[in-house]
């Protein structure tokens, strides 16, 4: 129970009053309560007008949201729609619409109450930025920690969501690439992060993988995850720029999970493939109205400039990136 100011109205006026309060952003993230023939709404600021509706300002005890559906219930009450959020291990990261930042703590607490597997909720405070591929996050509710263990495809990934890039939404992509890999391959994972692509593949295939990343904390977690998942005989983690550490003419397959910057490293990927050719998994950001066009033109032209043949053997939309752009995956078979 929580003591708070409230607006008391008759039952017949309750729905209209609720709508006015919601439109003005005054509803608190607590449950309205019935009092005889009246309804009391928890209000952020009781100094208001409800037009012709009679009301009384009172103090009351309100129940906080709890239970498996309280996050959805609260969103409906507020008129807020958070269609999806990232869950990494037992930590969630929300993208709070600007109009509802005043309710962000209540939304976070409702999500914790709805999802018993979650231990803390954060919000995105920036986009993914810089060579380190890190976004700023702000704690909202639950335990004050950012380190967690994420489980996926029979693997465990220890990581710090405040220090490294990791997307649980790429789980299907990791499974998809795994399905193409055959025993005996040599693979270079150019932007490996904490190792999700490398370790998922190595856990299920007899391969040799070199994973490289320029984010030092990510590489430290990568090394620990190699140990945790017992793939040290198949995976090596290296801290540094992949343009320096990708060995030339060494790989049957190159993974380039850097959607906003992979083009800058594409010549290096081509040089990393064996002389006889191989596969490049290229990730990019494509305008919706010219889907794949610019990415594919760049891929084919860059290969031609290096005197190599290239064929697009697969393409798919991974997810929405912005209202006008999508994150795409393009599989390229490169010849001699």
Protein backbone atom coordinates (compact mmCIF):
# COMPACT_ATOMS: atom_id res chain seq x y z
CA UNK A 1 0.00 0.00 0.00
CA UNK A 2 1.12 3.53 -0.72
CA UNK A 3 -0.29 6.76 0.77
CA UNK A 4 -0.89 9.43 -1.85
CA UNK A 5 -3.15 12.30 -2.91
CA UNK A 6 -6.23 11.32 -4.85
CA UNK A 7 -9.17 12.67 -6.83
CA UNK A 8 -12.53 11.32 -5.64
CA UNK A 9 -15.39 11.31 -8.18
CA UNK A 10 -18.72 9.54 -8.51
CA UNK A 11 -18.82 6.21 -10.35
CA UNK A 12 -20.86 7.70 -13.18
CA UNK A 13 -18.12 10.25 -13.85
CA UNK A 14 -15.19 7.90 -13.27
CA UNK A 15 -14.34 6.98 -16.88
CA UNK A 16 -14.49 10.59 -18.07
CA UNK A 17 -12.39 11.73 -15.12
CA UNK A 18 -9.86 8.96 -15.74
CA UNK A 19 -9.50 10.04 -19.38
CA UNK A 20 -8.97 13.70 -18.41
CA UNK A 21 -6.38 12.78 -15.81
CA UNK A 22 -4.59 10.50 -18.24
CA UNK A 23 -4.58 13.11 -21.01
CA UNK A 24 -3.05 15.63 -18.60
CA UNK A 25 -0.41 13.11 -17.47
CA UNK A 26 -1.61 13.29 -13.85
CA UNK A 27 -2.39 9.65 -13.10
CA UNK A 28 0.11 8.02 -10.76
CA UNK A 29 1.19 4.40 -11.45
CA UNK A 30 -1.03 3.03 -8.63
CA UNK A 31 -4.36 1.24 -8.68
CA UNK A 32 -7.50 3.35 -8.47
CA UNK A 33 -9.75 2.34 -5.58
CA UNK A 34 -13.47 2.15 -4.97
CA UNK A 35 -15.00 3.97 -2.01
CA UNK A 36 -18.72 3.25 -1.75
CA UNK A 37 -20.33 4.94 -4.75
CA UNK A 38 -17.14 6.80 -5.59
CA UNK A 39 -13.82 6.07 -7.31
CA UNK A 40 -10.55 7.57 -6.11
CA UNK A 41 -7.80 8.08 -8.66
CA UNK A 42 -4.17 8.55 -7.54
CA UNK A 43 -3.04 11.91 -8.97
CA UNK A 44 0.42 13.40 -9.44
CA UNK A 45 -0.92 16.93 -8.93
CA UNK A 46 -4.37 17.45 -7.38
CA UNK A 47 -4.51 21.12 -8.43
CA UNK A 48 -6.61 20.67 -11.54
CA UNK A 49 -10.00 21.14 -13.13
CA UNK A 50 -12.24 18.34 -14.37
CA UNK A 51 -14.62 20.68 -16.14
CA UNK A 52 -18.20 20.05 -15.05
CA UNK A 53 -17.29 16.95 -13.03
CA UNK A 54 -17.54 17.37 -9.28
CA UNK A 55 -14.56 16.04 -7.38
CA UNK A 56 -12.94 16.03 -3.97
CA UNK A 57 -9.25 16.07 -3.14
CA UNK A 58 -8.48 13.34 -0.60
CA UNK A 59 -5.61 11.32 0.77
CA UNK A 60 -5.89 7.56 0.45
CA UNK A 61 -3.96 4.30 0.55
CA UNK A 62 -3.49 2.82 -2.94
CA UNK A 63 -2.38 -0.65 -3.93
CA UNK A 64 0.75 -0.88 -6.03
CA UNK A 65 0.68 -2.95 -9.20
CA UNK A 66 1.71 -6.58 -8.84
CA UNK A 67 1.09 -9.81 -10.69
CA UNK A 68 1.80 -11.32 -14.11
CA UNK A 69 -0.09 -8.74 -16.19
CA UNK A 70 0.46 -5.52 -14.26
CA UNK A 71 2.92 -4.07 -16.77
CA UNK A 72 0.32 -4.32 -19.53
CA UNK A 73 -2.43 -3.05 -17.21
CA UNK A 74 -0.38 0.02 -16.28
CA UNK A 75 0.46 0.76 -19.90
CA UNK A 76 -3.23 0.66 -20.82
CA UNK A 77 -4.07 3.00 -17.94
CA UNK A 78 -1.42 5.47 -18.96
CA UNK A 79 -2.09 5.16 -22.68
CA UNK A 80 1.53 4.09 -23.12
CA UNK A 81 2.76 1.46 -25.54
CA UNK A 82 6.15 -0.18 -25.03
CA UNK A 83 5.93 -2.85 -27.70
CA UNK A 84 9.20 -4.60 -26.86
CA UNK A 85 12.23 -4.41 -24.61
CA UNK A 86 15.55 -6.21 -24.32
CA UNK A 87 16.03 -8.89 -21.67
CA UNK A 88 19.64 -9.92 -21.14
CA UNK A 89 19.94 -12.56 -18.47
CA UNK A 90 17.85 -11.25 -15.57
CA UNK A 91 18.12 -7.57 -16.58
CA UNK A 92 15.68 -5.63 -18.77
CA UNK A 93 16.32 -2.44 -20.72
CA UNK A 94 13.31 -0.35 -21.73
CA UNK A 95 12.93 2.43 -24.25
CA UNK A 96 10.64 4.89 -22.46
CA UNK A 97 8.61 7.20 -24.74
CA UNK A 98 9.37 10.86 -23.95
CA UNK A 99 5.76 11.59 -22.98
CA UNK A 100 5.88 8.94 -20.26
CA UNK A 101 9.23 9.58 -18.59
CA UNK A 102 7.37 10.90 -15.53
CA UNK A 103 6.01 7.35 -15.10
CA UNK A 104 9.23 5.47 -15.83
CA UNK A 105 9.78 4.25 -12.26
CA UNK A 106 6.22 2.95 -11.99
CA UNK A 107 6.54 1.21 -15.36
CA UNK A 108 9.82 -0.41 -14.30
CA UNK A 109 8.37 -1.60 -11.00
CA UNK A 110 5.30 -2.99 -12.78
CA UNK A 111 7.55 -4.90 -15.19
CA UNK A 112 9.49 -6.39 -12.26
CA UNK A 113 6.20 -7.45 -10.67
CA UNK A 114 5.05 -9.01 -13.95
CA UNK A 115 8.25 -10.92 -14.76
CA UNK A 116 9.56 -12.82 -11.77
CA UNK A 117 12.73 -13.83 -13.62
CA UNK A 118 13.82 -10.18 -13.83
CA UNK A 119 15.93 -8.65 -11.08
CA UNK A 120 16.48 -5.10 -12.38
CA UNK A 121 15.14 -2.71 -14.99
CA UNK A 122 17.04 0.05 -16.81
CA UNK A 123 16.16 2.51 -19.57
CA UNK A 124 18.09 3.43 -22.69
CA UNK A 125 19.67 6.86 -22.27
CA UNK A 126 21.51 6.99 -25.60
CA UNK A 127 21.92 5.10 -28.83
CA UNK A 128 24.81 2.67 -29.31
CA UNK A 129 27.83 4.96 -29.69
CA UNK A 130 31.47 4.91 -30.75
CA UNK A 131 33.96 2.19 -31.61
CA UNK A 132 33.24 0.53 -28.26
CA UNK A 133 29.57 0.04 -29.29
CA UNK A 134 28.21 0.98 -25.86
CA UNK A 135 24.95 2.75 -24.97
CA UNK A 136 24.28 4.72 -21.81
CA UNK A 137 21.66 3.18 -19.53
CA UNK A 138 19.92 4.48 -16.40
CA UNK A 139 18.79 2.32 -13.49
CA UNK A 140 15.05 2.46 -12.76
CA UNK A 141 14.15 -0.37 -10.38
CA UNK A 142 15.36 -3.58 -8.75
CA UNK A 143 18.93 -4.57 -7.95
CA UNK A 144 21.60 -1.99 -8.68
CA UNK A 145 23.91 -4.09 -10.85
CA UNK A 146 24.68 -4.35 -14.55
CA UNK A 147 26.51 -7.70 -14.71
CA UNK A 148 24.42 -10.73 -15.62
CA UNK A 149 24.60 -14.16 -17.27
CA UNK A 150 22.61 -14.66 -20.46
CA UNK A 151 21.74 -18.18 -21.63
CA UNK A 152 21.21 -19.03 -25.26
CA UNK A 153 21.55 -22.13 -27.51
CA UNK A 154 23.10 -24.18 -24.70
CA UNK A 155 25.69 -21.48 -23.94
CA UNK A 156 26.22 -18.99 -21.12
CA UNK A 157 27.42 -15.43 -21.63
CA UNK A 158 28.61 -13.35 -18.71
CA UNK A 159 28.60 -9.63 -19.50
CA UNK A 160 28.10 -6.10 -18.22
CA UNK A 161 25.29 -4.37 -20.12
CA UNK A 162 26.81 -0.97 -19.24
CA UNK A 163 30.22 -1.78 -20.73
CA UNK A 164 29.66 -4.00 -23.76
CA UNK A 165 27.42 -4.45 -26.78
CA UNK A 166 25.15 -7.50 -26.65
CA UNK A 167 21.80 -7.98 -28.36
CA UNK A 168 19.53 -10.83 -27.27
CA UNK A 169 17.50 -10.05 -30.41
CA UNK A 170 20.26 -11.57 -32.56
CA UNK A 171 19.68 -15.04 -31.12
CA UNK A 172 18.05 -16.26 -34.34
CA UNK A 173 20.91 -14.84 -36.41
CA UNK A 174 23.44 -16.76 -34.37
CA UNK A 175 21.41 -19.94 -34.85
CA UNK A 176 21.08 -19.21 -38.58
CA UNK A 177 24.82 -18.81 -39.08
CA UNK A 178 25.48 -21.93 -37.02
CA UNK A 179 23.27 -23.85 -39.43
CA UNK A 180 25.58 -22.94 -42.33
CA UNK A 181 28.88 -23.80 -40.64
CA UNK A 182 30.50 -27.18 -41.28
CA UNK A 183 33.13 -29.03 -39.24
CA UNK A 184 36.70 -28.14 -40.09
CA UNK A 185 36.14 -24.48 -40.95
CA UNK A 186 38.45 -21.65 -39.98
CA UNK A 187 36.38 -18.58 -38.98
CA UNK A 188 37.21 -14.97 -38.13
CA UNK A 189 34.62 -13.09 -36.04
CA UNK A 190 35.67 -9.50 -36.68
CA UNK A 191 33.52 -7.70 -34.10
CA UNK A 192 33.14 -10.50 -31.59
CA UNK A 193 32.06 -8.61 -28.45
CA UNK A 194 31.65 -11.04 -25.56
CA UNK A 195 31.71 -13.94 -28.03
CA UNK A 196 28.10 -14.95 -28.76
CA UNK A 197 28.60 -15.88 -32.44
CA UNK A 198 31.99 -17.53 -31.85
CA UNK A 199 30.96 -19.54 -28.81
CA UNK A 200 27.57 -20.69 -30.16
CA UNK A 201 29.33 -22.01 -33.27
CA UNK A 202 32.24 -23.59 -31.39
CA UNK A 203 29.90 -25.27 -28.91
CA UNK A 204 28.23 -27.20 -31.74
CA UNK A 205 30.88 -27.53 -34.47
CA UNK A 206 34.49 -28.73 -34.71
CA UNK A 207 35.97 -25.45 -35.93
CA UNK A 208 38.74 -22.96 -35.25
CA UNK A 209 37.62 -19.39 -34.53
CA UNK A 210 39.51 -16.17 -33.98
CA UNK A 211 37.33 -13.49 -32.36
CA UNK A 212 38.52 -9.88 -32.33
CA UNK A 213 37.11 -6.77 -30.65
CA UNK A 214 38.36 -3.27 -29.84
CA UNK A 215 36.33 -3.04 -26.60
CA UNK A 216 38.70 -4.29 -23.88
CA UNK A 217 36.03 -5.13 -21.24
CA UNK A 218 34.14 -7.09 -23.91
CA UNK A 219 37.24 -9.14 -24.70
CA UNK A 220 37.80 -9.86 -21.00
CA UNK A 221 34.24 -11.20 -20.76
CA UNK A 222 34.79 -13.06 -24.04
CA UNK A 223 37.80 -14.85 -22.53
CA UNK A 224 35.81 -15.74 -19.43
CA UNK A 225 32.94 -17.02 -21.57
CA UNK A 226 35.36 -19.22 -23.52
CA UNK A 227 36.33 -20.79 -20.18
CA UNK A 228 32.74 -21.07 -18.91
CA UNK A 229 31.59 -22.79 -22.11
CA UNK A 230 34.68 -25.00 -22.36
CA UNK A 231 35.64 -24.08 -25.92
CA UNK A 232 39.22 -22.91 -25.33
CA UNK A 233 40.49 -25.54 -27.79
CA UNK A 234 38.39 -23.97 -30.56
CA UNK A 235 38.15 -20.22 -29.87
CA UNK A 236 40.78 -17.53 -29.35
CA UNK A 237 39.82 -14.00 -28.19
CA UNK A 238 41.98 -11.04 -29.20
CA UNK A 239 41.80 -7.40 -28.10
CA UNK A 240 42.49 -4.94 -30.90
CA UNK A 241 41.49 -3.56 -34.28
CA UNK A 242 40.49 -6.31 -36.70
CA UNK A 243 42.31 -4.49 -39.51
CA UNK A 244 45.51 -5.28 -37.64
CA UNK A 245 44.72 -8.68 -36.16
CA UNK A 246 42.72 -10.43 -38.91
CA UNK A 247 45.24 -12.83 -40.50
CA UNK A 248 45.29 -12.61 -44.29
CA UNK A 249 44.16 -15.57 -46.42
CA UNK A 250 43.28 -17.62 -43.33
CA UNK A 251 39.48 -17.96 -43.13
CA UNK A 252 36.75 -19.99 -44.76
CA UNK A 253 34.17 -17.68 -43.21
CA UNK A 254 34.13 -14.11 -41.84
CA UNK A 255 31.40 -12.67 -39.59
CA UNK A 256 30.92 -8.89 -39.69
CA UNK A 257 28.34 -7.96 -37.06
CA UNK A 258 28.82 -4.18 -37.18
CA UNK A 259 25.72 -2.82 -38.95
CA UNK A 260 26.68 0.86 -38.92
CA UNK A 261 30.34 0.42 -39.80
CA UNK A 262 30.98 -2.89 -41.56
CA UNK A 263 31.62 -1.20 -44.92
CA UNK A 264 34.80 0.39 -43.57
CA UNK A 265 36.19 -3.09 -42.84
CA UNK A 266 34.99 -4.92 -45.95
CA UNK A 267 38.36 -4.83 -47.75
CA UNK A 268 39.89 -6.44 -44.64
CA UNK A 269 37.23 -9.17 -44.70
CA UNK A 270 38.03 -9.96 -48.33
CA UNK A 271 41.77 -10.12 -47.54
CA UNK A 272 41.04 -12.43 -44.59
CA UNK A 273 39.36 -15.08 -46.74
CA UNK A 274 41.49 -17.87 -48.15
CA UNK A 275 42.77 -17.55 -51.71
CA UNK A 276 40.19 -20.05 -52.88
CA UNK A 277 37.35 -17.97 -51.47
CA UNK A 278 34.79 -18.34 -48.71
CA UNK A 279 31.71 -16.81 -47.08
CA UNK A 280 31.24 -13.35 -45.58
CA UNK A 281 28.24 -12.62 -43.32
CA UNK A 282 27.75 -8.89 -43.75
CA UNK A 283 25.39 -6.84 -41.56
CA UNK A 284 24.25 -3.39 -42.57
CA UNK A 285 21.55 -0.75 -42.26
CA UNK A 286 19.41 -0.31 -45.37
CA UNK A 287 16.73 2.23 -46.29
CA UNK A 288 13.35 0.55 -46.45
CA UNK A 289 12.51 2.07 -49.81
CA UNK A 290 15.71 0.79 -51.48
CA UNK A 291 16.03 -2.42 -49.53
CA UNK A 292 19.50 -4.05 -49.82
CA UNK A 293 20.37 -1.99 -52.93
CA UNK A 294 23.20 0.19 -51.60
CA UNK A 295 24.64 -2.59 -49.44
CA UNK A 296 24.77 -5.09 -52.29
CA UNK A 297 26.23 -2.57 -54.75
CA UNK A 298 29.00 -1.80 -52.29
CA UNK A 299 29.70 -5.49 -51.60
CA UNK A 300 29.96 -6.47 -55.27
CA UNK A 301 31.93 -3.37 -56.34
CA UNK A 302 34.48 -3.73 -53.52
CA UNK A 303 35.07 -7.38 -54.40
CA UNK A 304 35.53 -6.46 -58.08
CA UNK A 305 38.07 -3.78 -57.13
CA UNK A 306 40.12 -6.50 -55.42
CA UNK A 307 39.79 -8.74 -58.47
CA UNK A 308 37.49 -11.24 -56.78
CA UNK A 309 34.12 -12.60 -57.79
CA UNK A 310 31.21 -12.29 -55.36
CA UNK A 311 27.68 -13.67 -55.33
CA UNK A 312 24.85 -12.85 -52.95
CA UNK A 313 23.62 -16.19 -51.63
CA UNK A 314 21.31 -14.97 -48.86
CA UNK A 315 19.62 -11.86 -47.53
CA UNK A 316 17.13 -11.12 -44.81
CA UNK A 317 15.75 -8.33 -42.65
CA UNK A 318 17.04 -8.88 -39.12
CA UNK A 319 14.88 -6.25 -37.41
CA UNK A 320 13.66 -2.68 -37.66
CA UNK A 321 16.38 -0.10 -37.05
CA UNK A 322 14.43 3.15 -37.37
CA UNK A 323 11.18 4.28 -39.01
CA UNK A 324 12.98 4.57 -42.36
CA UNK A 325 15.72 1.91 -42.01
CA UNK A 326 16.13 -1.81 -41.34
CA UNK A 327 18.99 -3.91 -40.04
CA UNK A 328 19.86 -6.44 -42.77
CA UNK A 329 21.98 -9.56 -43.07
CA UNK A 330 23.59 -10.36 -46.42
CA UNK A 331 25.49 -13.61 -47.04
CA UNK A 332 28.19 -13.35 -49.71
CA UNK A 333 30.08 -16.13 -51.42
CA UNK A 334 33.46 -14.83 -52.56
CA UNK A 335 35.51 -16.58 -55.23
CA UNK A 336 39.16 -16.39 -56.21
